[in-house]
Amino acid sequence: MTDKEFGDFLKRSLPQAPPEPWFTRKVMSRQPERKRFWAGWIETVVCGVGLVVTLVLAVVYGIGLVSAPVVTVGDVASTGVMAALTGALAWNVGCAFMPKPHEG
């Protein structure tokens, strides 16, 4: 089924919306472009700083872990948590630079 056929099907099978005097299609087409708020950039910067700090701490922790004579379960768990945190921060920073679905 093509988009046109689907649109025609919906027009035939669904009831029409009642007229609304305060809302028209022109109103929607005149809406300004959505602007990115400062909170989004602040979040990205904070996550970026957190990512750098986490990477530095991971390197320091890794050097200490390699020189340790015994690796404990706590060391493995800490490494996993640090890897998950680093991945989450990297994902958050990366998403800020990806185009949003509604932006094309």
N, C-alpha and C. Protein backbone atom coordinates (compact mmCIF):
# COMPACT_ATOMS: atom_id res chain seq x y z
N MET A 1 0.85 -1.16 0.00
CA MET A 1 0.00 0.00 0.00
C MET A 1 0.90 1.23 0.00
N THR A 2 0.68 2.14 -0.92
CA THR A 2 1.48 3.35 -1.00
C THR A 2 0.96 4.38 -0.01
N ASP A 3 1.73 5.45 0.15
CA ASP A 3 1.31 6.51 1.07
C ASP A 3 0.00 7.15 0.64
N LYS A 4 -0.17 7.34 -0.67
CA LYS A 4 -1.40 7.96 -1.17
C LYS A 4 -2.59 7.04 -0.91
N GLU A 5 -2.43 5.76 -1.18
CA GLU A 5 -3.51 4.81 -0.92
C GLU A 5 -3.86 4.76 0.57
N PHE A 6 -2.82 4.78 1.40
CA PHE A 6 -3.05 4.76 2.84
C PHE A 6 -3.77 6.03 3.30
N GLY A 7 -3.37 7.19 2.77
CA GLY A 7 -4.03 8.44 3.10
C GLY A 7 -5.50 8.44 2.67
N ASP A 8 -5.76 7.92 1.46
CA ASP A 8 -7.14 7.83 0.98
C ASP A 8 -7.96 6.89 1.86
N PHE A 9 -7.36 5.78 2.27
CA PHE A 9 -8.05 4.84 3.15
C PHE A 9 -8.43 5.51 4.48
N LEU A 10 -7.49 6.26 5.05
CA LEU A 10 -7.78 6.93 6.31
C LEU A 10 -8.87 7.98 6.15
N LYS A 11 -8.85 8.71 5.04
CA LYS A 11 -9.89 9.71 4.81
C LYS A 11 -11.26 9.07 4.70
N ARG A 12 -11.32 7.89 4.09
CA ARG A 12 -12.60 7.21 3.93
C ARG A 12 -13.09 6.59 5.23
N SER A 13 -12.16 6.02 6.01
CA SER A 13 -12.60 5.22 7.15
C SER A 13 -12.66 5.98 8.47
N LEU A 14 -11.93 7.06 8.61
CA LEU A 14 -11.92 7.77 9.89
C LEU A 14 -12.82 8.99 9.84
N PRO A 15 -13.44 9.34 10.95
CA PRO A 15 -14.28 10.54 10.96
C PRO A 15 -13.40 11.79 10.88
N GLN A 16 -13.94 12.83 10.33
CA GLN A 16 -13.21 14.08 10.22
C GLN A 16 -13.22 14.79 11.57
N ALA A 17 -12.16 15.50 11.86
CA ALA A 17 -12.08 16.25 13.10
C ALA A 17 -13.04 17.44 13.02
N PRO A 18 -13.66 17.80 14.13
CA PRO A 18 -14.56 18.94 14.10
C PRO A 18 -13.77 20.22 13.83
N PRO A 19 -14.39 21.20 13.21
CA PRO A 19 -13.66 22.44 12.92
C PRO A 19 -13.26 23.15 14.22
N GLU A 20 -12.08 23.64 14.23
CA GLU A 20 -11.55 24.34 15.39
C GLU A 20 -11.17 25.75 14.94
N PRO A 21 -11.90 26.77 15.38
CA PRO A 21 -11.64 28.12 14.87
C PRO A 21 -10.29 28.69 15.31
N TRP A 22 -9.73 28.19 16.40
CA TRP A 22 -8.49 28.77 16.91
C TRP A 22 -7.25 28.07 16.39
N PHE A 23 -7.43 27.04 15.62
CA PHE A 23 -6.28 26.28 15.14
C PHE A 23 -6.44 26.00 13.66
N THR A 24 -5.50 26.40 12.87
CA THR A 24 -5.54 26.14 11.44
C THR A 24 -4.18 25.60 11.01
N ARG A 25 -4.16 25.11 9.80
CA ARG A 25 -2.90 24.60 9.24
C ARG A 25 -1.89 25.73 9.09
N LYS A 26 -2.37 26.95 8.85
CA LYS A 26 -1.45 28.09 8.72
C LYS A 26 -0.71 28.35 10.02
N VAL A 27 -1.37 28.13 11.13
CA VAL A 27 -0.71 28.34 12.41
C VAL A 27 0.47 27.39 12.55
N MET A 28 0.28 26.15 12.19
CA MET A 28 1.37 25.18 12.31
C MET A 28 2.51 25.50 11.36
N SER A 29 2.21 25.99 10.18
CA SER A 29 3.28 26.28 9.23
C SER A 29 4.04 27.55 9.63
N ARG A 30 3.51 28.35 10.50
CA ARG A 30 4.19 29.58 10.93
C ARG A 30 4.96 29.40 12.23
N GLN A 31 5.00 28.20 12.77
CA GLN A 31 5.73 27.98 14.01
C GLN A 31 7.22 28.19 13.76
N PRO A 32 7.91 28.85 14.69
CA PRO A 32 9.35 29.06 14.49
C PRO A 32 10.11 27.74 14.64
N GLU A 33 11.28 27.71 14.07
CA GLU A 33 12.14 26.54 14.21
C GLU A 33 12.49 26.36 15.68
N ARG A 34 12.52 25.12 16.11
CA ARG A 34 12.86 24.86 17.50
C ARG A 34 14.33 25.14 17.71
N LYS A 35 14.62 25.93 18.73
CA LYS A 35 16.00 26.28 19.02
C LYS A 35 16.54 25.39 20.13
N ARG A 36 17.79 25.11 20.03
CA ARG A 36 18.42 24.29 21.06
C ARG A 36 18.62 25.15 22.30
N PHE A 37 18.20 24.64 23.42
CA PHE A 37 18.30 25.39 24.66
C PHE A 37 19.69 25.25 25.25
N TRP A 38 20.04 26.22 26.09
CA TRP A 38 21.35 26.21 26.74
C TRP A 38 21.55 24.98 27.60
N ALA A 39 20.47 24.47 28.16
CA ALA A 39 20.59 23.30 29.02
C ALA A 39 21.20 22.11 28.27
N GLY A 40 20.86 21.98 26.99
CA GLY A 40 21.42 20.90 26.19
C GLY A 40 22.92 21.03 26.03
N TRP A 41 23.38 22.26 25.79
CA TRP A 41 24.82 22.46 25.64
C TRP A 41 25.55 22.30 26.96
N ILE A 42 24.91 22.78 28.04
CA ILE A 42 25.53 22.62 29.36
C ILE A 42 25.68 21.14 29.69
N GLU A 43 24.65 20.36 29.40
CA GLU A 43 24.71 18.92 29.64
C GLU A 43 25.84 18.28 28.84
N THR A 44 25.97 18.67 27.59
CA THR A 44 27.01 18.11 26.73
C THR A 44 28.40 18.46 27.25
N VAL A 45 28.59 19.71 27.68
CA VAL A 45 29.89 20.13 28.20
C VAL A 45 30.22 19.38 29.50
N VAL A 46 29.23 19.27 30.39
CA VAL A 46 29.47 18.56 31.64
C VAL A 46 29.80 17.09 31.37
N CYS A 47 29.08 16.47 30.45
CA CYS A 47 29.37 15.07 30.10
C CYS A 47 30.74 14.95 29.44
N GLY A 48 31.12 15.92 28.63
CA GLY A 48 32.43 15.90 28.00
C GLY A 48 33.55 16.00 29.03
N VAL A 49 33.38 16.89 30.01
CA VAL A 49 34.37 17.01 31.08
C VAL A 49 34.41 15.71 31.89
N GLY A 50 33.24 15.17 32.18
CA GLY A 50 33.18 13.89 32.91
C GLY A 50 33.85 12.77 32.14
N LEU A 51 33.69 12.78 30.81
CA LEU A 51 34.32 11.76 29.98
C LEU A 51 35.84 11.86 30.05
N VAL A 52 36.36 13.08 29.97
CA VAL A 52 37.81 13.27 30.05
C VAL A 52 38.33 12.84 31.42
N VAL A 53 37.64 13.25 32.48
CA VAL A 53 38.06 12.87 33.83
C VAL A 53 38.01 11.35 34.00
N THR A 54 36.94 10.73 33.50
CA THR A 54 36.81 9.29 33.62
C THR A 54 37.92 8.56 32.85
N LEU A 55 38.25 9.06 31.67
CA LEU A 55 39.33 8.43 30.89
C LEU A 55 40.67 8.56 31.60
N VAL A 56 40.94 9.73 32.17
CA VAL A 56 42.21 9.91 32.90
C VAL A 56 42.26 8.98 34.11
N LEU A 57 41.16 8.92 34.86
CA LEU A 57 41.12 8.03 36.02
C LEU A 57 41.22 6.56 35.60
N ALA A 58 40.65 6.21 34.46
CA ALA A 58 40.74 4.83 33.98
C ALA A 58 42.18 4.46 33.65
N VAL A 59 42.90 5.40 33.06
CA VAL A 59 44.31 5.13 32.74
C VAL A 59 45.11 4.96 34.03
N VAL A 60 44.90 5.86 34.99
CA VAL A 60 45.62 5.76 36.27
C VAL A 60 45.26 4.45 36.98
N TYR A 61 43.98 4.12 36.99
CA TYR A 61 43.52 2.88 37.64
C TYR A 61 44.09 1.66 36.91
N GLY A 62 44.12 1.72 35.59
CA GLY A 62 44.66 0.61 34.81
C GLY A 62 46.14 0.39 35.06
N ILE A 63 46.88 1.47 35.18
CA ILE A 63 48.32 1.33 35.47
C ILE A 63 48.51 0.69 36.84
N GLY A 64 47.71 1.12 37.82
CA GLY A 64 47.80 0.52 39.15
C GLY A 64 47.36 -0.93 39.15
N LEU A 65 46.37 -1.25 38.32
CA LEU A 65 45.86 -2.62 38.25
C LEU A 65 46.87 -3.56 37.60
N VAL A 66 47.57 -3.08 36.60
CA VAL A 66 48.57 -3.91 35.92
C VAL A 66 49.74 -4.20 36.85
N SER A 67 50.11 -3.22 37.67
CA SER A 67 51.26 -3.43 38.56
C SER A 67 50.88 -4.17 39.84
N ALA A 68 49.59 -4.41 40.08
CA ALA A 68 49.16 -5.13 41.29
C ALA A 68 49.49 -6.62 41.17
N PRO A 69 49.90 -7.24 42.26
CA PRO A 69 50.22 -8.68 42.19
C PRO A 69 48.97 -9.57 42.08
N VAL A 70 47.82 -9.09 42.57
CA VAL A 70 46.60 -9.89 42.56
C VAL A 70 45.46 -9.02 42.05
N VAL A 71 44.63 -9.61 41.20
CA VAL A 71 43.43 -8.93 40.72
C VAL A 71 42.23 -9.54 41.42
N THR A 72 41.47 -8.71 42.11
CA THR A 72 40.33 -9.20 42.88
C THR A 72 39.03 -9.03 42.09
N VAL A 73 37.97 -9.61 42.63
CA VAL A 73 36.65 -9.47 42.02
C VAL A 73 36.22 -8.00 42.04
N GLY A 74 36.57 -7.29 43.11
CA GLY A 74 36.27 -5.86 43.20
C GLY A 74 36.95 -5.06 42.10
N ASP A 75 38.18 -5.45 41.76
CA ASP A 75 38.90 -4.78 40.67
C ASP A 75 38.18 -4.98 39.34
N VAL A 76 37.72 -6.20 39.11
CA VAL A 76 37.00 -6.49 37.87
C VAL A 76 35.68 -5.73 37.82
N ALA A 77 34.97 -5.70 38.96
CA ALA A 77 33.69 -4.96 39.02
C ALA A 77 33.92 -3.47 38.81
N SER A 78 34.95 -2.92 39.44
CA SER A 78 35.25 -1.50 39.27
C SER A 78 35.59 -1.18 37.82
N THR A 79 36.34 -2.07 37.18
CA THR A 79 36.68 -1.87 35.77
C THR A 79 35.42 -1.89 34.90
N GLY A 80 34.50 -2.79 35.19
CA GLY A 80 33.25 -2.86 34.43
C GLY A 80 32.40 -1.62 34.62
N VAL A 81 32.30 -1.15 35.86
CA VAL A 81 31.52 0.06 36.12
C VAL A 81 32.16 1.27 35.42
N MET A 82 33.47 1.35 35.47
CA MET A 82 34.15 2.46 34.81
C MET A 82 33.97 2.40 33.29
N ALA A 83 34.00 1.20 32.73
CA ALA A 83 33.79 1.06 31.29
C ALA A 83 32.36 1.45 30.92
N ALA A 84 31.39 1.05 31.73
CA ALA A 84 29.99 1.42 31.45
C ALA A 84 29.79 2.92 31.57
N LEU A 85 30.37 3.53 32.58
CA LEU A 85 30.26 4.98 32.74
C LEU A 85 30.92 5.72 31.58
N THR A 86 32.08 5.27 31.18
CA THR A 86 32.77 5.90 30.05
C THR A 86 31.94 5.76 28.77
N GLY A 87 31.36 4.58 28.56
CA GLY A 87 30.52 4.39 27.38
C GLY A 87 29.28 5.26 27.39
N ALA A 88 28.64 5.39 28.56
CA ALA A 88 27.44 6.22 28.66
C ALA A 88 27.77 7.69 28.42
N LEU A 89 28.86 8.15 28.99
CA LEU A 89 29.25 9.55 28.77
C LEU A 89 29.63 9.79 27.31
N ALA A 90 30.34 8.86 26.70
CA ALA A 90 30.70 9.01 25.29
C ALA A 90 29.45 9.02 24.41
N TRP A 91 28.48 8.16 24.74
CA TRP A 91 27.23 8.13 23.97
C TRP A 91 26.49 9.46 24.10
N ASN A 92 26.41 10.00 25.31
CA ASN A 92 25.71 11.25 25.53
C ASN A 92 26.39 12.39 24.77
N VAL A 93 27.70 12.46 24.81
CA VAL A 93 28.41 13.51 24.08
C VAL A 93 28.24 13.31 22.57
N GLY A 94 28.32 12.07 22.11
CA GLY A 94 28.17 11.81 20.68
C GLY A 94 26.79 12.13 20.15
N CYS A 95 25.77 11.87 20.95
CA CYS A 95 24.39 12.14 20.52
C CYS A 95 24.13 13.63 20.30
N ALA A 96 24.87 14.47 20.98
CA ALA A 96 24.68 15.91 20.82
C ALA A 96 25.06 16.37 19.41
N PHE A 97 25.93 15.64 18.75
CA PHE A 97 26.39 16.03 17.43
C PHE A 97 25.74 15.25 16.29
N MET A 98 24.85 14.33 16.63
CA MET A 98 24.12 13.58 15.60
C MET A 98 22.86 14.35 15.21
N PRO A 99 22.46 14.31 13.94
CA PRO A 99 21.22 14.99 13.57
C PRO A 99 20.03 14.31 14.20
N LYS A 100 19.07 15.11 14.63
CA LYS A 100 17.85 14.57 15.21
C LYS A 100 16.94 14.09 14.10
N PRO A 101 16.07 13.10 14.36
CA PRO A 101 15.20 12.57 13.30
C PRO A 101 14.31 13.64 12.64
N HIS A 102 13.86 14.61 13.41
CA HIS A 102 13.00 15.64 12.84
C HIS A 102 13.77 16.73 12.12
N GLU A 103 15.11 16.74 12.25
CA GLU A 103 15.93 17.75 11.59
C GLU A 103 16.45 17.29 10.24
N GLY A 104 16.30 16.02 9.94
CA GLY A 104 16.73 15.52 8.63
C GLY A 104 18.05 14.93 8.57
